[in-house]
PDB file of N, CA and C in Angstrom:
ATOM      1  N   MET A   1       0.841  -1.171   0.000  1.00  0.00           N
ATOM      2  CA  MET A   1       0.000   0.000   0.000  1.00  0.00           C
ATOM      3  C   MET A   1       0.884   1.231   0.000  1.00  0.00           C
ATOM      4  N   GLY A   2       0.490   2.233  -0.793  1.00  0.00           N
ATOM      5  CA  GLY A   2       1.236   3.470  -0.876  1.00  0.00           C
ATOM      6  C   GLY A   2       0.378   4.653  -0.494  1.00  0.00           C
ATOM      7  N   LYS A   3       1.061   5.776  -0.283  1.00  0.00           N
ATOM      8  CA  LYS A   3       0.355   6.974   0.140  1.00  0.00           C
ATOM      9  C   LYS A   3       1.046   8.202  -0.435  1.00  0.00           C
ATOM     10  N   MET A   4       0.239   9.173  -0.909  1.00  0.00           N
ATOM     11  CA  MET A   4       0.740  10.483  -1.307  1.00  0.00           C
ATOM     12  C   MET A   4       0.341  11.473  -0.229  1.00  0.00           C
ATOM     13  N   VAL A   5       1.274  12.324   0.142  1.00  0.00           N
ATOM     14  CA  VAL A   5       1.011  13.400   1.088  1.00  0.00           C
ATOM     15  C   VAL A   5       1.261  14.699   0.324  1.00  0.00           C
ATOM     16  N   ILE A   6       0.202  15.488   0.145  1.00  0.00           N
ATOM     17  CA  ILE A   6       0.294  16.724  -0.624  1.00  0.00           C
ATOM     18  C   ILE A   6       0.347  17.890   0.353  1.00  0.00           C
ATOM     19  N   LEU A   7       1.526  18.525   0.438  1.00  0.00           N
ATOM     20  CA  LEU A   7       1.719  19.653   1.335  1.00  0.00           C
ATOM     21  C   LEU A   7       1.343  20.933   0.602  1.00  0.00           C
ATOM     22  N   ASN A   8       0.516  21.770   1.250  1.00  0.00           N
ATOM     23  CA  ASN A   8       0.123  23.029   0.626  1.00  0.00           C
ATOM     24  C   ASN A   8      -0.106  24.090   1.691  1.00  0.00           C
ATOM     25  N   GLU A   9      -0.606  25.227   1.271  1.00  0.00           N
ATOM     26  CA  GLU A   9      -0.765  26.362   2.180  1.00  0.00           C
ATOM     27  C   GLU A   9      -1.802  26.113   3.282  1.00  0.00           C
ATOM     28  N   THR A  10      -2.660  25.146   3.117  1.00  0.00           N
ATOM     29  CA  THR A  10      -3.684  24.868   4.128  1.00  0.00           C
ATOM     30  C   THR A  10      -3.321  23.686   5.030  1.00  0.00           C
ATOM     31  N   GLY A  11      -2.165  23.129   4.856  1.00  0.00           N
ATOM     32  CA  GLY A  11      -1.744  21.965   5.629  1.00  0.00           C
ATOM     33  C   GLY A  11      -1.345  20.845   4.693  1.00  0.00           C
ATOM     34  N   HIS A  12      -2.103  19.760   4.725  1.00  0.00           N
ATOM     35  CA  HIS A  12      -1.819  18.666   3.807  1.00  0.00           C
ATOM     36  C   HIS A  12      -3.068  17.813   3.596  1.00  0.00           C
ATOM     37  N   SER A  13      -3.048  17.076   2.496  1.00  0.00           N
ATOM     38  CA  SER A  13      -4.080  16.077   2.233  1.00  0.00           C
ATOM     39  C   SER A  13      -3.366  14.787   1.848  1.00  0.00           C
ATOM     40  N   GLU A  14      -4.089  13.679   1.896  1.00  0.00           N
ATOM     41  CA  GLU A  14      -3.490  12.384   1.599  1.00  0.00           C
ATOM     42  C   GLU A  14      -4.334  11.600   0.611  1.00  0.00           C
ATOM     43  N   LEU A  15      -3.658  10.778  -0.171  1.00  0.00           N
ATOM     44  CA  LEU A  15      -4.314   9.873  -1.111  1.00  0.00           C
ATOM     45  C   LEU A  15      -3.580   8.541  -1.028  1.00  0.00           C
ATOM     46  N   ALA A  16      -4.323   7.473  -0.748  1.00  0.00           N
ATOM     47  CA  ALA A  16      -3.712   6.148  -0.612  1.00  0.00           C
ATOM     48  C   ALA A  16      -4.146   5.252  -1.762  1.00  0.00           C
ATOM     49  N   TRP A  17      -3.322   4.262  -2.055  1.00  0.00           N
ATOM     50  CA  TRP A  17      -3.648   3.262  -3.072  1.00  0.00           C
ATOM     51  C   TRP A  17      -3.090   1.916  -2.631  1.00  0.00           C
ATOM     52  N   SER A  18      -3.612   0.879  -3.233  1.00  0.00           N
ATOM     53  CA  SER A  18      -3.140  -0.477  -2.981  1.00  0.00           C
ATOM     54  C   SER A  18      -2.741  -1.101  -4.316  1.00  0.00           C
ATOM     55  N   THR A  19      -1.574  -1.721  -4.365  1.00  0.00           N
ATOM     56  CA  THR A  19      -1.119  -2.299  -5.634  1.00  0.00           C
ATOM     57  C   THR A  19      -2.049  -3.391  -6.142  1.00  0.00           C
ATOM     58  N   GLY A  20      -2.836  -3.986  -5.268  1.00  0.00           N
ATOM     59  CA  GLY A  20      -3.793  -5.012  -5.676  1.00  0.00           C
ATOM     60  C   GLY A  20      -5.120  -4.456  -6.163  1.00  0.00           C
ATOM     61  N   ASP A  21      -5.280  -3.145  -6.094  1.00  0.00           N
ATOM     62  CA  ASP A  21      -6.527  -2.490  -6.486  1.00  0.00           C
ATOM     63  C   ASP A  21      -6.255  -1.564  -7.675  1.00  0.00           C
ATOM     64  N   GLU A  22      -6.552  -2.048  -8.873  1.00  0.00           N
ATOM     65  CA  GLU A  22      -6.243  -1.296 -10.093  1.00  0.00           C
ATOM     66  C   GLU A  22      -6.907   0.081 -10.119  1.00  0.00           C
ATOM     67  N   GLU A  23      -8.108   0.190  -9.588  1.00  0.00           N
ATOM     68  CA  GLU A  23      -8.819   1.470  -9.582  1.00  0.00           C
ATOM     69  C   GLU A  23      -8.091   2.507  -8.717  1.00  0.00           C
ATOM     70  N   SER A  24      -7.626   2.090  -7.543  1.00  0.00           N
ATOM     71  CA  SER A  24      -6.918   3.040  -6.673  1.00  0.00           C
ATOM     72  C   SER A  24      -5.567   3.421  -7.264  1.00  0.00           C
ATOM     73  N   VAL A  25      -4.894   2.487  -7.956  1.00  0.00           N
ATOM     74  CA  VAL A  25      -3.621   2.796  -8.621  1.00  0.00           C
ATOM     75  C   VAL A  25      -3.857   3.794  -9.756  1.00  0.00           C
ATOM     76  N   ALA A  26      -4.913   3.586 -10.536  1.00  0.00           N
ATOM     77  CA  ALA A  26      -5.234   4.514 -11.631  1.00  0.00           C
ATOM     78  C   ALA A  26      -5.562   5.901 -11.089  1.00  0.00           C
ATOM     79  N   GLU A  27      -6.289   5.964  -9.985  1.00  0.00           N
ATOM     80  CA  GLU A  27      -6.618   7.253  -9.372  1.00  0.00           C
ATOM     81  C   GLU A  27      -5.348   7.958  -8.880  1.00  0.00           C
ATOM     82  N   ALA A  28      -4.443   7.211  -8.265  1.00  0.00           N
ATOM     83  CA  ALA A  28      -3.193   7.790  -7.776  1.00  0.00           C
ATOM     84  C   ALA A  28      -2.323   8.264  -8.934  1.00  0.00           C
ATOM     85  N   GLN A  29      -2.281   7.496 -10.020  1.00  0.00           N
ATOM     86  CA  GLN A  29      -1.488   7.896 -11.185  1.00  0.00           C
ATOM     87  C   GLN A  29      -2.056   9.162 -11.809  1.00  0.00           C
ATOM     88  N   ALA A  30      -3.373   9.272 -11.905  1.00  0.00           N
ATOM     89  CA  ALA A  30      -4.011  10.480 -12.442  1.00  0.00           C
ATOM     90  C   ALA A  30      -3.708  11.676 -11.543  1.00  0.00           C
ATOM     91  N   ALA A  31      -3.739  11.476 -10.227  1.00  0.00           N
ATOM     92  CA  ALA A  31      -3.417  12.553  -9.287  1.00  0.00           C
ATOM     93  C   ALA A  31      -1.960  12.970  -9.444  1.00  0.00           C
ATOM     94  N   PHE A  32      -1.074  12.005  -9.648  1.00  0.00           N
ATOM     95  CA  PHE A  32       0.348  12.284  -9.851  1.00  0.00           C
ATOM     96  C   PHE A  32       0.529  13.200 -11.061  1.00  0.00           C
ATOM     97  N   LEU A  33      -0.078  12.837 -12.180  1.00  0.00           N
ATOM     98  CA  LEU A  33       0.058  13.643 -13.399  1.00  0.00           C
ATOM     99  C   LEU A  33      -0.530  15.039 -13.216  1.00  0.00           C
ATOM    100  N   HIS A  34      -1.656  15.134 -12.525  1.00  0.00           N
ATOM    101  CA  HIS A  34      -2.284  16.430 -12.267  1.00  0.00           C
ATOM    102  C   HIS A  34      -1.370  17.322 -11.416  1.00  0.00           C
ATOM    103  N   LEU A  35      -0.799  16.759 -10.365  1.00  0.00           N
ATOM    104  CA  LEU A  35       0.059  17.545  -9.483  1.00  0.00           C
ATOM    105  C   LEU A  35       1.332  17.999 -10.186  1.00  0.00           C
ATOM    106  N   VAL A  36       1.878  17.172 -11.070  1.00  0.00           N
ATOM    107  CA  VAL A  36       3.051  17.582 -11.855  1.00  0.00           C
ATOM    108  C   VAL A  36       2.691  18.795 -12.714  1.00  0.00           C
ATOM    109  N   LYS A  37       1.520  18.762 -13.346  1.00  0.00           N
ATOM    110  CA  LYS A  37       1.073  19.897 -14.167  1.00  0.00           C
ATOM    111  C   LYS A  37       0.866  21.154 -13.331  1.00  0.00           C
ATOM    112  N   GLU A  38       0.545  20.983 -12.032  1.00  0.00           N
ATOM    113  CA  GLU A  38       0.355  22.112 -11.116  1.00  0.00           C
ATOM    114  C   GLU A  38       1.686  22.583 -10.519  1.00  0.00           C
ATOM    115  N   ASN A  39       2.795  22.049 -11.027  1.00  0.00           N
ATOM    116  CA  ASN A  39       4.156  22.407 -10.605  1.00  0.00           C
ATOM    117  C   ASN A  39       4.547  21.928  -9.210  1.00  0.00           C
ATOM    118  N   TYR A  40       3.826  20.949  -8.685  1.00  0.00           N
ATOM    119  CA  TYR A  40       4.270  20.335  -7.446  1.00  0.00           C
ATOM    120  C   TYR A  40       5.469  19.436  -7.752  1.00  0.00           C
ATOM    121  N   VAL A  41       6.315  19.200  -6.760  1.00  0.00           N
ATOM    122  CA  VAL A  41       7.508  18.379  -6.934  1.00  0.00           C
ATOM    123  C   VAL A  41       7.337  17.101  -6.111  1.00  0.00           C
ATOM    124  N   PRO A  42       7.395  15.922  -6.767  1.00  0.00           N
ATOM    125  CA  PRO A  42       7.233  14.663  -6.032  1.00  0.00           C
ATOM    126  C   PRO A  42       8.556  14.179  -5.447  1.00  0.00           C
ATOM    127  N   MET A  43       8.505  13.798  -4.164  1.00  0.00           N
ATOM    128  CA  MET A  43       9.687  13.311  -3.463  1.00  0.00           C
ATOM    129  C   MET A  43       9.358  11.968  -2.818  1.00  0.00           C
ATOM    130  N   GLU A  44      10.192  10.976  -3.080  1.00  0.00           N
ATOM    131  CA  GLU A  44      10.014   9.684  -2.415  1.00  0.00           C
ATOM    132  C   GLU A  44      10.637   9.760  -1.032  1.00  0.00           C
ATOM    133  N   ARG A  45       9.896   9.303  -0.041  1.00  0.00           N
ATOM    134  CA  ARG A  45      10.424   9.250   1.333  1.00  0.00           C
ATOM    135  C   ARG A  45      11.076   7.899   1.547  1.00  0.00           C
ATOM    136  N   LYS A  46      12.361   7.921   1.921  1.00  0.00           N
ATOM    137  CA  LYS A  46      13.105   6.699   2.199  1.00  0.00           C
ATOM    138  C   LYS A  46      13.498   6.701   3.674  1.00  0.00           C
ATOM    139  N   PRO A  47      12.779   5.945   4.500  1.00  0.00           N
ATOM    140  CA  PRO A  47      13.112   5.906   5.929  1.00  0.00           C
ATOM    141  C   PRO A  47      14.516   5.342   6.154  1.00  0.00           C
ATOM    142  N   ARG A  48      15.231   5.979   7.089  1.00  0.00           N
ATOM    143  CA  ARG A  48      16.557   5.507   7.490  1.00  0.00           C
ATOM    144  C   ARG A  48      16.572   5.383   9.009  1.00  0.00           C
ATOM    145  N   ALA A  49      17.642   4.868   9.558  1.00  0.00           N
ATOM    146  CA  ALA A  49      17.718   4.600  10.996  1.00  0.00           C
ATOM    147  C   ALA A  49      17.509   5.853  11.846  1.00  0.00           C
ATOM    148  N   TYR A  50      18.146   6.968  11.495  1.00  0.00           N
ATOM    149  CA  TYR A  50      18.094   8.156  12.347  1.00  0.00           C
ATOM    150  C   TYR A  50      17.329   9.321  11.744  1.00  0.00           C
ATOM    151  N   ASP A  51      17.081   9.274  10.453  1.00  0.00           N
ATOM    152  CA  ASP A  51      16.314  10.323   9.788  1.00  0.00           C
ATOM    153  C   ASP A  51      15.787   9.756   8.478  1.00  0.00           C
ATOM    154  N   ASP A  52      15.023  10.529   7.768  1.00  0.00           N
ATOM    155  CA  ASP A  52      14.489  10.083   6.481  1.00  0.00           C
ATOM    156  C   ASP A  52      15.171  10.842   5.355  1.00  0.00           C
ATOM    157  N   GLU A  53      15.320  10.169   4.242  1.00  0.00           N
ATOM    158  CA  GLU A  53      15.881  10.791   3.045  1.00  0.00           C
ATOM    159  C   GLU A  53      14.730  11.028   2.071  1.00  0.00           C
ATOM    160  N   PHE A  54      14.733  12.174   1.405  1.00  0.00           N
ATOM    161  CA  PHE A  54      13.730  12.493   0.401  1.00  0.00           C
ATOM    162  C   PHE A  54      14.433  12.668  -0.931  1.00  0.00           C
ATOM    163  N   VAL A  55      13.983  11.912  -1.941  1.00  0.00           N
ATOM    164  CA  VAL A  55      14.616  11.918  -3.252  1.00  0.00           C
ATOM    165  C   VAL A  55      13.569  12.275  -4.294  1.00  0.00           C
ATOM    166  N   LYS A  56      13.887  13.252  -5.141  1.00  0.00           N
ATOM    167  CA  LYS A  56      12.954  13.655  -6.199  1.00  0.00           C
ATOM    168  C   LYS A  56      12.748  12.491  -7.165  1.00  0.00           C
ATOM    169  N   ILE A  57      11.497  12.280  -7.563  1.00  0.00           N
ATOM    170  CA  ILE A  57      11.187  11.231  -8.533  1.00  0.00           C
ATOM    171  C   ILE A  57      10.575  11.870  -9.776  1.00  0.00           C
ATOM    172  N   GLU A  58      10.628  11.168 -10.874  1.00  0.00           N
ATOM    173  CA  GLU A  58      10.157  11.700 -12.159  1.00  0.00           C
ATOM    174  C   GLU A  58       8.842  11.095 -12.623  1.00  0.00           C
ATOM    175  N   ARG A  59       8.515   9.877 -12.142  1.00  0.00           N
ATOM    176  CA  ARG A  59       7.274   9.236 -12.590  1.00  0.00           C
ATOM    177  C   ARG A  59       6.655   8.413 -11.466  1.00  0.00           C
ATOM    178  N   PHE A  60       5.383   8.173 -11.618  1.00  0.00           N
ATOM    179  CA  PHE A  60       4.634   7.429 -10.611  1.00  0.00           C
ATOM    180  C   PHE A  60       5.059   5.970 -10.592  1.00  0.00           C
ATOM    181  N   ASP A  61       5.305   5.457  -9.416  1.00  0.00           N
ATOM    182  CA  ASP A  61       5.629   4.047  -9.213  1.00  0.00           C
ATOM    183  C   ASP A  61       4.730   3.539  -8.080  1.00  0.00           C
ATOM    184  N   PRO A  62       3.744   2.690  -8.382  1.00  0.00           N
ATOM    185  CA  PRO A  62       2.801   2.248  -7.358  1.00  0.00           C
ATOM    186  C   PRO A  62       3.424   1.402  -6.250  1.00  0.00           C
ATOM    187  N   THR A  63       4.672   0.968  -6.425  1.00  0.00           N
ATOM    188  CA  THR A  63       5.322   0.166  -5.389  1.00  0.00           C
ATOM    189  C   THR A  63       5.996   1.018  -4.313  1.00  0.00           C
ATOM    190  N   LEU A  64       6.032   2.335  -4.496  1.00  0.00           N
ATOM    191  CA  LEU A  64       6.636   3.205  -3.488  1.00  0.00           C
ATOM    192  C   LEU A  64       5.734   3.280  -2.264  1.00  0.00           C
ATOM    193  N   GLY A  65       6.336   3.431  -1.110  1.00  0.00           N
ATOM    194  CA  GLY A  65       5.567   3.511   0.123  1.00  0.00           C
ATOM    195  C   GLY A  65       4.934   4.875   0.339  1.00  0.00           C
ATOM    196  N   GLU A  66       5.736   5.944   0.186  1.00  0.00           N
ATOM    197  CA  GLU A  66       5.217   7.295   0.407  1.00  0.00           C
ATOM    198  C   GLU A  66       5.800   8.268  -0.605  1.00  0.00           C
ATOM    199  N   ILE A  67       4.928   9.115  -1.121  1.00  0.00           N
ATOM    200  CA  ILE A  67       5.342  10.200  -2.006  1.00  0.00           C
ATOM    201  C   ILE A  67       4.877  11.496  -1.359  1.00  0.00           C
ATOM    202  N   PHE A  68       5.817  12.405  -1.138  1.00  0.00           N
ATOM    203  CA  PHE A  68       5.488  13.722  -0.595  1.00  0.00           C
ATOM    204  C   PHE A  68       5.540  14.738  -1.722  1.00  0.00           C
ATOM    205  N   TRP A  69       4.568  15.613  -1.739  1.00  0.00           N
ATOM    206  CA  TRP A  69       4.476  16.654  -2.772  1.00  0.00           C
ATOM    207  C   TRP A  69       4.709  18.015  -2.134  1.00  0.00           C
ATOM    208  N   ILE A  70       5.606  18.792  -2.742  1.00  0.00           N
ATOM    209  CA  ILE A  70       5.847  20.159  -2.280  1.00  0.00           C
ATOM    210  C   ILE A  70       5.754  21.101  -3.472  1.00  0.00           C
ATOM    211  N   ARG A  71       5.371  22.341  -3.191  1.00  0.00           N
ATOM    212  CA  ARG A  71       5.381  23.362  -4.233  1.00  0.00           C
ATOM    213  C   ARG A  71       6.719  24.062  -4.191  1.00  0.00           C
ATOM    214  N   PRO A  72       7.288  24.381  -5.334  1.00  0.00           N
ATOM    215  CA  PRO A  72       8.564  25.116  -5.313  1.00  0.00           C
ATOM    216  C   PRO A  72       8.348  26.507  -4.716  1.00  0.00           C
ATOM    217  N   LEU A  73       9.353  26.992  -4.030  1.00  0.00           N
ATOM    218  CA  LEU A  73       9.278  28.330  -3.463  1.00  0.00           C
ATOM    219  C   LEU A  73       9.358  29.362  -4.576  1.00  0.00           C
ATOM    220  N   LYS A  74       8.628  30.431  -4.405  1.00  0.00           N
ATOM    221  CA  LYS A  74       8.647  31.514  -5.393  1.00  0.00           C
ATOM    222  C   LYS A  74       9.308  32.717  -4.755  1.00  0.00           C
ATOM    223  N   GLY A  75      10.166  33.373  -5.522  1.00  0.00           N
ATOM    224  CA  GLY A  75      10.806  34.590  -5.047  1.00  0.00           C
ATOM    225  C   GLY A  75       9.834  35.764  -5.149  1.00  0.00           C
ATOM    226  N   GLY A  76      10.062  36.760  -4.337  1.00  0.00           N
ATOM    227  CA  GLY A  76       9.195  37.930  -4.351  1.00  0.00           C
ATOM    228  C   GLY A  76      10.013  39.202  -4.529  1.00  0.00           C
ATOM    229  N   ALA A  77       9.335  40.279  -4.757  1.00  0.00           N
ATOM    230  CA  ALA A  77      10.012  41.559  -4.898  1.00  0.00           C
ATOM    231  C   ALA A  77      10.442  42.044  -3.525  1.00  0.00           C
ATOM    232  N   ALA A  78      11.593  42.657  -3.466  1.00  0.00           N
ATOM    233  CA  ALA A  78      12.119  43.138  -2.187  1.00  0.00           C
ATOM    234  C   ALA A  78      11.538  44.491  -1.837  1.00  0.00           C
TER     235      ALA A  78
END
């Protein structure tokens, strides 16, 4: 089972899927493509002994445990 965590200005939302459930995988893949178009950046969470590593990914993989989505920071006028 996998989970997407979408971080945004209001907090976060989650979307889960199960590799044995084709409908939930298709829904997660559609959400992945939509978020990429919205300029969110997908990061795979890789748990480690003392901290977690986050690695940018390029495409949806239903076998991943967790995908975190962040929006890129925008610069402003000084």
